[in-house]
Amino acid sequence: MTRTLLAIILLPLAFVVGCGDPTECESEDCTGNTDCVGADCGDDDDTGPGPDEFSATLRSVAPYGWVGDHRIEMIEPEEEDLPPICTDTNECDRELTSVGNYRVNLQGDTWDCVPQVQLVDVNDLDLTVAVSDAWLGEGACGLAPEGEDGGWEVYTDVADQVWIHIDNDGAVVTGDTFFYEDDEYLLEGTITLLEESFQVYFHRVVETGETERTLNIPLED
């Protein structure tokens, strides 16, 4: 009788000393203790990388075999005045330690591209994420002549797409070709990169007439 009563008294006491609150994980009390039923003792439920464990590679590949400068920067928080991480190359890797949205900028001496945004998330852990096909889209990258020939002014700029402007009319550049058409004008043509100049052939149709011409635009020093 006495032994039975003593066992009944000691059983809940052992529970209190050995486990504490069964709904809370006490590292010394619960670890390896099967009596802590329902306690959250840090079982490996979360298999994702910790804040200091993420790694991935973001790879920028310039289109058409071109070589130039690559900048890869995180959008938030914004990285100010980031110098090119690769120069005069077709391909560039940046090792990442954080998930997020990254802006990839490409530019060469004779060509320009629209910056691209690439999301890198936890699914990319230990992988290489390549930004390459995006540069092949319409107006994403193009040769960029700038200068004058015979009174015809030519320059290129980047907005939502790469645009070439000849006289007062513009067209979207994709690689070495350009095209634009609306109710006011048609402008189309090709750009050829020579050793010391761009050769710009264009065909333009406006209300007052039609022009077909080839311009030679010297390369900038």
C-alpha atoms as a PDB file:
ATOM      1  CA  MET A   1       0.000   0.000   0.000  1.00  0.00           C
ATOM      2  CA  THR A   2       2.769   2.433   0.953  1.00  0.00           C
ATOM      3  CA  ARG A   3       4.830   1.640  -2.189  1.00  0.00           C
ATOM      4  CA  THR A   4       1.788   2.110  -4.436  1.00  0.00           C
ATOM      5  CA  LEU A   5       0.986   5.476  -2.888  1.00  0.00           C
ATOM      6  CA  LEU A   6       4.619   6.603  -3.238  1.00  0.00           C
ATOM      7  CA  ALA A   7       4.673   5.673  -6.949  1.00  0.00           C
ATOM      8  CA  ILE A   8       1.510   7.665  -7.573  1.00  0.00           C
ATOM      9  CA  ILE A   9       3.049  10.726  -5.866  1.00  0.00           C
ATOM     10  CA  LEU A  10       6.408  10.505  -7.708  1.00  0.00           C
ATOM     11  CA  LEU A  11       4.996   9.949 -11.242  1.00  0.00           C
ATOM     12  CA  PRO A  12       3.727  13.515 -11.844  1.00  0.00           C
ATOM     13  CA  LEU A  13       6.825  14.884 -10.097  1.00  0.00           C
ATOM     14  CA  ALA A  14       9.065  13.064 -12.554  1.00  0.00           C
ATOM     15  CA  PHE A  15       7.044  14.548 -15.412  1.00  0.00           C
ATOM     16  CA  VAL A  16       7.525  18.083 -14.101  1.00  0.00           C
ATOM     17  CA  VAL A  17      11.250  17.688 -13.495  1.00  0.00           C
ATOM     18  CA  GLY A  18      11.997  15.728 -16.653  1.00  0.00           C
ATOM     19  CA  CYS A  19       9.932  17.636 -19.214  1.00  0.00           C
ATOM     20  CA  GLY A  20       8.604  20.915 -17.974  1.00  0.00           C
ATOM     21  CA  ASP A  21       5.666  22.174 -20.028  1.00  0.00           C
ATOM     22  CA  PRO A  22       5.055  19.485 -22.699  1.00  0.00           C
ATOM     23  CA  THR A  23       4.038  22.176 -25.193  1.00  0.00           C
ATOM     24  CA  GLU A  24       7.348  24.012 -24.988  1.00  0.00           C
ATOM     25  CA  CYS A  25      10.789  22.794 -25.881  1.00  0.00           C
ATOM     26  CA  GLU A  26      13.354  23.115 -23.112  1.00  0.00           C
ATOM     27  CA  SER A  27      16.629  22.029 -24.641  1.00  0.00           C
ATOM     28  CA  GLU A  28      17.852  20.167 -21.557  1.00  0.00           C
ATOM     29  CA  ASP A  29      14.468  18.734 -20.541  1.00  0.00           C
ATOM     30  CA  CYS A  30      13.015  17.554 -23.830  1.00  0.00           C
ATOM     31  CA  THR A  31      15.941  16.485 -25.960  1.00  0.00           C
ATOM     32  CA  GLY A  32      15.741  12.734 -26.330  1.00  0.00           C
ATOM     33  CA  ASN A  33      12.881  12.471 -23.815  1.00  0.00           C
ATOM     34  CA  THR A  34       9.982  10.509 -25.270  1.00  0.00           C
ATOM     35  CA  ASP A  35       7.705  11.613 -22.416  1.00  0.00           C
ATOM     36  CA  CYS A  36       7.568  15.154 -23.839  1.00  0.00           C
ATOM     37  CA  VAL A  37       4.594  14.328 -26.043  1.00  0.00           C
ATOM     38  CA  GLY A  38       3.491  17.258 -28.179  1.00  0.00           C
ATOM     39  CA  ALA A  39       6.526  19.373 -27.416  1.00  0.00           C
ATOM     40  CA  ASP A  40       8.176  21.273 -30.259  1.00  0.00           C
ATOM     41  CA  CYS A  41      11.745  20.211 -29.673  1.00  0.00           C
ATOM     42  CA  GLY A  42      13.233  21.488 -32.909  1.00  0.00           C
ATOM     43  CA  ASP A  43      12.616  18.443 -35.041  1.00  0.00           C
ATOM     44  CA  ASP A  44      13.874  18.842 -38.575  1.00  0.00           C
ATOM     45  CA  ASP A  45      10.550  20.114 -39.910  1.00  0.00           C
ATOM     46  CA  ASP A  46      12.165  23.159 -41.530  1.00  0.00           C
ATOM     47  CA  THR A  47      14.520  21.849 -44.198  1.00  0.00           C
ATOM     48  CA  GLY A  48      15.113  25.212 -45.875  1.00  0.00           C
ATOM     49  CA  PRO A  49      18.476  27.026 -45.661  1.00  0.00           C
ATOM     50  CA  GLY A  50      19.120  29.309 -42.738  1.00  0.00           C
ATOM     51  CA  PRO A  51      19.842  33.019 -43.226  1.00  0.00           C
ATOM     52  CA  ASP A  52      23.582  32.381 -43.530  1.00  0.00           C
ATOM     53  CA  GLU A  53      23.357  29.185 -45.577  1.00  0.00           C
ATOM     54  CA  PHE A  54      21.978  30.318 -48.964  1.00  0.00           C
ATOM     55  CA  SER A  55      24.244  30.247 -51.988  1.00  0.00           C
ATOM     56  CA  ALA A  56      23.613  30.359 -55.727  1.00  0.00           C
ATOM     57  CA  THR A  57      25.222  31.669 -58.892  1.00  0.00           C
ATOM     58  CA  LEU A  58      23.666  34.264 -61.194  1.00  0.00           C
ATOM     59  CA  ARG A  59      25.132  34.027 -64.678  1.00  0.00           C
ATOM     60  CA  SER A  60      24.832  36.771 -67.294  1.00  0.00           C
ATOM     61  CA  VAL A  61      25.464  35.758 -70.908  1.00  0.00           C
ATOM     62  CA  ALA A  62      25.638  38.480 -73.554  1.00  0.00           C
ATOM     63  CA  PRO A  63      23.742  37.692 -76.784  1.00  0.00           C
ATOM     64  CA  TYR A  64      25.143  37.136 -80.265  1.00  0.00           C
ATOM     65  CA  GLY A  65      28.600  36.339 -78.880  1.00  0.00           C
ATOM     66  CA  TRP A  66      29.138  39.998 -77.971  1.00  0.00           C
ATOM     67  CA  VAL A  67      31.610  41.046 -75.269  1.00  0.00           C
ATOM     68  CA  GLY A  68      31.077  43.895 -72.851  1.00  0.00           C
ATOM     69  CA  ASP A  69      30.554  44.952 -69.239  1.00  0.00           C
ATOM     70  CA  HIS A  70      28.249  43.098 -66.859  1.00  0.00           C
ATOM     71  CA  ARG A  71      26.698  44.560 -63.703  1.00  0.00           C
ATOM     72  CA  ILE A  72      24.643  42.334 -61.413  1.00  0.00           C
ATOM     73  CA  GLU A  73      23.129  44.124 -58.426  1.00  0.00           C
ATOM     74  CA  MET A  74      20.424  43.440 -55.879  1.00  0.00           C
ATOM     75  CA  ILE A  75      17.419  45.731 -56.290  1.00  0.00           C
ATOM     76  CA  GLU A  76      16.443  45.828 -52.611  1.00  0.00           C
ATOM     77  CA  PRO A  77      18.433  47.006 -50.823  1.00  0.00           C
ATOM     78  CA  GLU A  78      19.774  48.948 -53.787  1.00  0.00           C
ATOM     79  CA  GLU A  79      23.527  48.781 -54.287  1.00  0.00           C
ATOM     80  CA  GLU A  80      24.802  52.233 -55.147  1.00  0.00           C
ATOM     81  CA  ASP A  81      27.489  52.917 -57.749  1.00  0.00           C
ATOM     82  CA  LEU A  82      28.318  49.278 -58.312  1.00  0.00           C
ATOM     83  CA  PRO A  83      31.236  48.949 -60.743  1.00  0.00           C
ATOM     84  CA  PRO A  84      31.129  46.255 -63.426  1.00  0.00           C
ATOM     85  CA  ILE A  85      31.906  42.881 -61.925  1.00  0.00           C
ATOM     86  CA  CYS A  86      33.070  41.592 -65.324  1.00  0.00           C
ATOM     87  CA  THR A  87      34.493  43.632 -68.191  1.00  0.00           C
ATOM     88  CA  ASP A  88      35.134  42.823 -71.840  1.00  0.00           C
ATOM     89  CA  THR A  89      33.657  39.343 -71.640  1.00  0.00           C
ATOM     90  CA  ASN A  90      30.721  37.392 -73.015  1.00  0.00           C
ATOM     91  CA  GLU A  91      29.810  35.612 -69.781  1.00  0.00           C
ATOM     92  CA  CYS A  92      29.880  36.641 -66.153  1.00  0.00           C
ATOM     93  CA  ASP A  93      29.063  34.919 -62.838  1.00  0.00           C
ATOM     94  CA  ARG A  94      28.169  36.515 -59.530  1.00  0.00           C
ATOM     95  CA  GLU A  95      28.031  34.395 -56.402  1.00  0.00           C
ATOM     96  CA  LEU A  96      24.922  35.173 -54.342  1.00  0.00           C
ATOM     97  CA  THR A  97      24.302  34.719 -50.636  1.00  0.00           C
ATOM     98  CA  SER A  98      20.759  36.139 -50.511  1.00  0.00           C
ATOM     99  CA  VAL A  99      17.484  35.459 -52.260  1.00  0.00           C
ATOM    100  CA  GLY A 100      15.793  38.401 -53.973  1.00  0.00           C
ATOM    101  CA  ASN A 101      15.377  40.316 -57.216  1.00  0.00           C
ATOM    102  CA  TYR A 102      18.552  41.150 -59.080  1.00  0.00           C
ATOM    103  CA  ARG A 103      19.062  43.642 -61.896  1.00  0.00           C
ATOM    104  CA  VAL A 104      21.416  42.561 -64.675  1.00  0.00           C
ATOM    105  CA  ASN A 105      22.911  45.295 -66.866  1.00  0.00           C
ATOM    106  CA  LEU A 106      24.815  44.668 -70.079  1.00  0.00           C
ATOM    107  CA  GLN A 107      26.614  47.223 -72.207  1.00  0.00           C
ATOM    108  CA  GLY A 108      29.358  47.202 -74.797  1.00  0.00           C
ATOM    109  CA  ASP A 109      31.326  49.791 -76.719  1.00  0.00           C
ATOM    110  CA  THR A 110      29.184  49.251 -79.823  1.00  0.00           C
ATOM    111  CA  TRP A 111      25.918  47.879 -78.420  1.00  0.00           C
ATOM    112  CA  ASP A 112      23.439  48.318 -75.594  1.00  0.00           C
ATOM    113  CA  CYS A 113      20.761  46.284 -73.803  1.00  0.00           C
ATOM    114  CA  VAL A 114      17.640  46.819 -71.726  1.00  0.00           C
ATOM    115  CA  PRO A 115      18.360  45.850 -68.081  1.00  0.00           C
ATOM    116  CA  GLN A 116      16.730  42.587 -67.029  1.00  0.00           C
ATOM    117  CA  VAL A 117      15.359  41.614 -63.609  1.00  0.00           C
ATOM    118  CA  GLN A 118      15.858  38.055 -62.359  1.00  0.00           C
ATOM    119  CA  LEU A 119      14.286  36.556 -59.242  1.00  0.00           C
ATOM    120  CA  VAL A 120      16.489  34.162 -57.286  1.00  0.00           C
ATOM    121  CA  ASP A 121      14.607  32.247 -54.570  1.00  0.00           C
ATOM    122  CA  VAL A 122      15.149  29.321 -52.198  1.00  0.00           C
ATOM    123  CA  ASN A 123      14.433  26.843 -55.000  1.00  0.00           C
ATOM    124  CA  ASP A 124      17.686  28.013 -56.630  1.00  0.00           C
ATOM    125  CA  LEU A 125      19.841  26.900 -53.687  1.00  0.00           C
ATOM    126  CA  ASP A 126      23.242  25.706 -54.967  1.00  0.00           C
ATOM    127  CA  LEU A 127      22.106  26.199 -58.597  1.00  0.00           C
ATOM    128  CA  THR A 128      23.254  28.453 -61.441  1.00  0.00           C
ATOM    129  CA  VAL A 129      20.539  30.806 -62.701  1.00  0.00           C
ATOM    130  CA  ALA A 130      21.326  32.046 -66.224  1.00  0.00           C
ATOM    131  CA  VAL A 131      20.101  35.281 -67.788  1.00  0.00           C
ATOM    132  CA  SER A 132      20.608  34.661 -71.493  1.00  0.00           C
ATOM    133  CA  ASP A 133      17.415  34.085 -73.509  1.00  0.00           C
ATOM    134  CA  ALA A 134      15.939  37.359 -72.236  1.00  0.00           C
ATOM    135  CA  TRP A 135      18.522  39.306 -74.240  1.00  0.00           C
ATOM    136  CA  LEU A 136      17.263  37.754 -77.488  1.00  0.00           C
ATOM    137  CA  GLY A 137      13.766  39.254 -77.258  1.00  0.00           C
ATOM    138  CA  GLU A 138      12.540  41.982 -79.557  1.00  0.00           C
ATOM    139  CA  GLY A 139      14.295  45.228 -78.700  1.00  0.00           C
ATOM    140  CA  ALA A 140      16.185  43.692 -75.761  1.00  0.00           C
ATOM    141  CA  CYS A 141      19.694  44.228 -77.204  1.00  0.00           C
ATOM    142  CA  GLY A 142      20.998  45.949 -80.292  1.00  0.00           C
ATOM    143  CA  LEU A 143      23.929  47.585 -82.014  1.00  0.00           C
ATOM    144  CA  ALA A 144      24.133  51.256 -81.074  1.00  0.00           C
ATOM    145  CA  PRO A 145      25.520  53.644 -83.699  1.00  0.00           C
ATOM    146  CA  GLU A 146      25.794  57.329 -82.923  1.00  0.00           C
ATOM    147  CA  GLY A 147      26.966  60.057 -85.241  1.00  0.00           C
ATOM    148  CA  GLU A 148      26.189  61.844 -88.496  1.00  0.00           C
ATOM    149  CA  ASP A 149      26.621  61.265 -92.197  1.00  0.00           C
ATOM    150  CA  GLY A 150      25.604  63.700 -94.917  1.00  0.00           C
ATOM    151  CA  GLY A 151      23.323  65.658 -92.615  1.00  0.00           C
ATOM    152  CA  TRP A 152      21.570  62.541 -91.339  1.00  0.00           C
ATOM    153  CA  GLU A 153      21.841  62.330 -87.552  1.00  0.00           C
ATOM    154  CA  VAL A 154      21.838  58.842 -86.026  1.00  0.00           C
ATOM    155  CA  TYR A 155      21.750  57.914 -82.352  1.00  0.00           C
ATOM    156  CA  THR A 156      20.564  55.048 -80.164  1.00  0.00           C
ATOM    157  CA  ASP A 157      18.997  55.052 -76.711  1.00  0.00           C
ATOM    158  CA  VAL A 158      17.443  52.584 -74.286  1.00  0.00           C
ATOM    159  CA  ALA A 159      13.963  52.873 -72.813  1.00  0.00           C
ATOM    160  CA  ASP A 160      11.646  49.887 -72.620  1.00  0.00           C
ATOM    161  CA  GLN A 161      13.492  48.718 -75.742  1.00  0.00           C
ATOM    162  CA  VAL A 162      16.605  49.681 -77.698  1.00  0.00           C
ATOM    163  CA  TRP A 163      15.711  52.414 -80.198  1.00  0.00           C
ATOM    164  CA  ILE A 164      17.624  53.814 -83.147  1.00  0.00           C
ATOM    165  CA  HIS A 165      16.761  57.327 -84.319  1.00  0.00           C
ATOM    166  CA  ILE A 166      17.442  58.482 -87.855  1.00  0.00           C
ATOM    167  CA  ASP A 167      16.623  62.105 -88.452  1.00  0.00           C
ATOM    168  CA  ASN A 168      13.349  62.523 -86.498  1.00  0.00           C
ATOM    169  CA  ASP A 169      12.076  58.957 -86.759  1.00  0.00           C
ATOM    170  CA  GLY A 170      12.777  55.958 -84.547  1.00  0.00           C
ATOM    171  CA  ALA A 171      12.695  52.174 -84.784  1.00  0.00           C
ATOM    172  CA  VAL A 172      13.210  49.250 -82.418  1.00  0.00           C
ATOM    173  CA  VAL A 173      16.601  47.533 -82.715  1.00  0.00           C
ATOM    174  CA  THR A 174      16.947  43.781 -82.244  1.00  0.00           C
ATOM    175  CA  GLY A 175      20.518  42.639 -82.730  1.00  0.00           C
ATOM    176  CA  ASP A 176      21.555  44.147 -86.057  1.00  0.00           C
ATOM    177  CA  THR A 177      18.104  44.900 -87.542  1.00  0.00           C
ATOM    178  CA  PHE A 178      15.520  47.563 -86.799  1.00  0.00           C
ATOM    179  CA  PHE A 179      11.846  48.080 -87.612  1.00  0.00           C
ATOM    180  CA  TYR A 180       8.941  50.340 -86.769  1.00  0.00           C
ATOM    181  CA  GLU A 181       5.653  51.106 -88.500  1.00  0.00           C
ATOM    182  CA  ASP A 182       2.625  53.191 -87.598  1.00  0.00           C
ATOM    183  CA  ASP A 183       0.197  55.527 -89.366  1.00  0.00           C
ATOM    184  CA  GLU A 184       2.855  58.219 -89.751  1.00  0.00           C
ATOM    185  CA  TYR A 185       5.900  56.393 -91.052  1.00  0.00           C
ATOM    186  CA  LEU A 186       7.730  53.144 -91.755  1.00  0.00           C
ATOM    187  CA  LEU A 187      11.384  52.795 -90.805  1.00  0.00           C
ATOM    188  CA  GLU A 188      13.356  49.591 -91.276  1.00  0.00           C
ATOM    189  CA  GLY A 189      16.913  48.552 -91.971  1.00  0.00           C
ATOM    190  CA  THR A 190      20.105  46.851 -90.869  1.00  0.00           C
ATOM    191  CA  ILE A 191      23.243  47.816 -88.973  1.00  0.00           C
ATOM    192  CA  THR A 192      26.611  46.365 -89.923  1.00  0.00           C
ATOM    193  CA  LEU A 193      29.597  46.733 -87.631  1.00  0.00           C
ATOM    194  CA  LEU A 194      32.764  47.316 -89.632  1.00  0.00           C
ATOM    195  CA  GLU A 195      36.306  47.740 -88.401  1.00  0.00           C
ATOM    196  CA  GLU A 196      36.114  51.525 -88.006  1.00  0.00           C
ATOM    197  CA  SER A 197      32.456  52.389 -88.553  1.00  0.00           C
ATOM    198  CA  PHE A 198      28.840  51.337 -88.533  1.00  0.00           C
ATOM    199  CA  GLN A 199      27.131  50.891 -91.873  1.00  0.00           C
ATOM    200  CA  VAL A 200      23.450  51.755 -91.432  1.00  0.00           C
ATOM    201  CA  TYR A 201      21.124  50.873 -94.274  1.00  0.00           C
ATOM    202  CA  PHE A 202      17.575  52.200 -93.888  1.00  0.00           C
ATOM    203  CA  HIS A 203      14.333  52.346 -95.794  1.00  0.00           C
ATOM    204  CA  ARG A 204      11.879  55.038 -94.715  1.00  0.00           C
ATOM    205  CA  VAL A 205       8.383  55.811 -95.947  1.00  0.00           C
ATOM    206  CA  VAL A 206       6.647  58.998 -94.824  1.00  0.00           C
ATOM    207  CA  GLU A 207       3.703  60.982 -96.142  1.00  0.00           C
ATOM    208  CA  THR A 208       5.928  63.127 -98.341  1.00  0.00           C
ATOM    209  CA  GLY A 209       7.901  60.322 -99.921  1.00  0.00           C
ATOM    210  CA  GLU A 210      10.208  57.344 -99.643  1.00  0.00           C
ATOM    211  CA  THR A 211      13.929  57.220 -98.855  1.00  0.00           C
ATOM    212  CA  GLU A 212      16.449  54.395 -99.141  1.00  0.00           C
ATOM    213  CA  ARG A 213      20.015  55.091 -98.132  1.00  0.00           C
ATOM    214  CA  THR A 214      23.171  53.714 -96.515  1.00  0.00           C
ATOM    215  CA  LEU A 215      25.006  55.804 -93.920  1.00  0.00           C
ATOM    216  CA  ASN A 216      28.538  55.365 -92.617  1.00  0.00           C
ATOM    217  CA  ILE A 217      28.815  56.326 -88.941  1.00  0.00           C
ATOM    218  CA  PRO A 218      32.365  56.383 -87.528  1.00  0.00           C
ATOM    219  CA  LEU A 219      32.968  54.455 -84.320  1.00  0.00           C
ATOM    220  CA  GLU A 220      33.432  56.639 -81.250  1.00  0.00           C
ATOM    221  CA  ASP A 221      36.932  56.746 -79.798  1.00  0.00           C
END
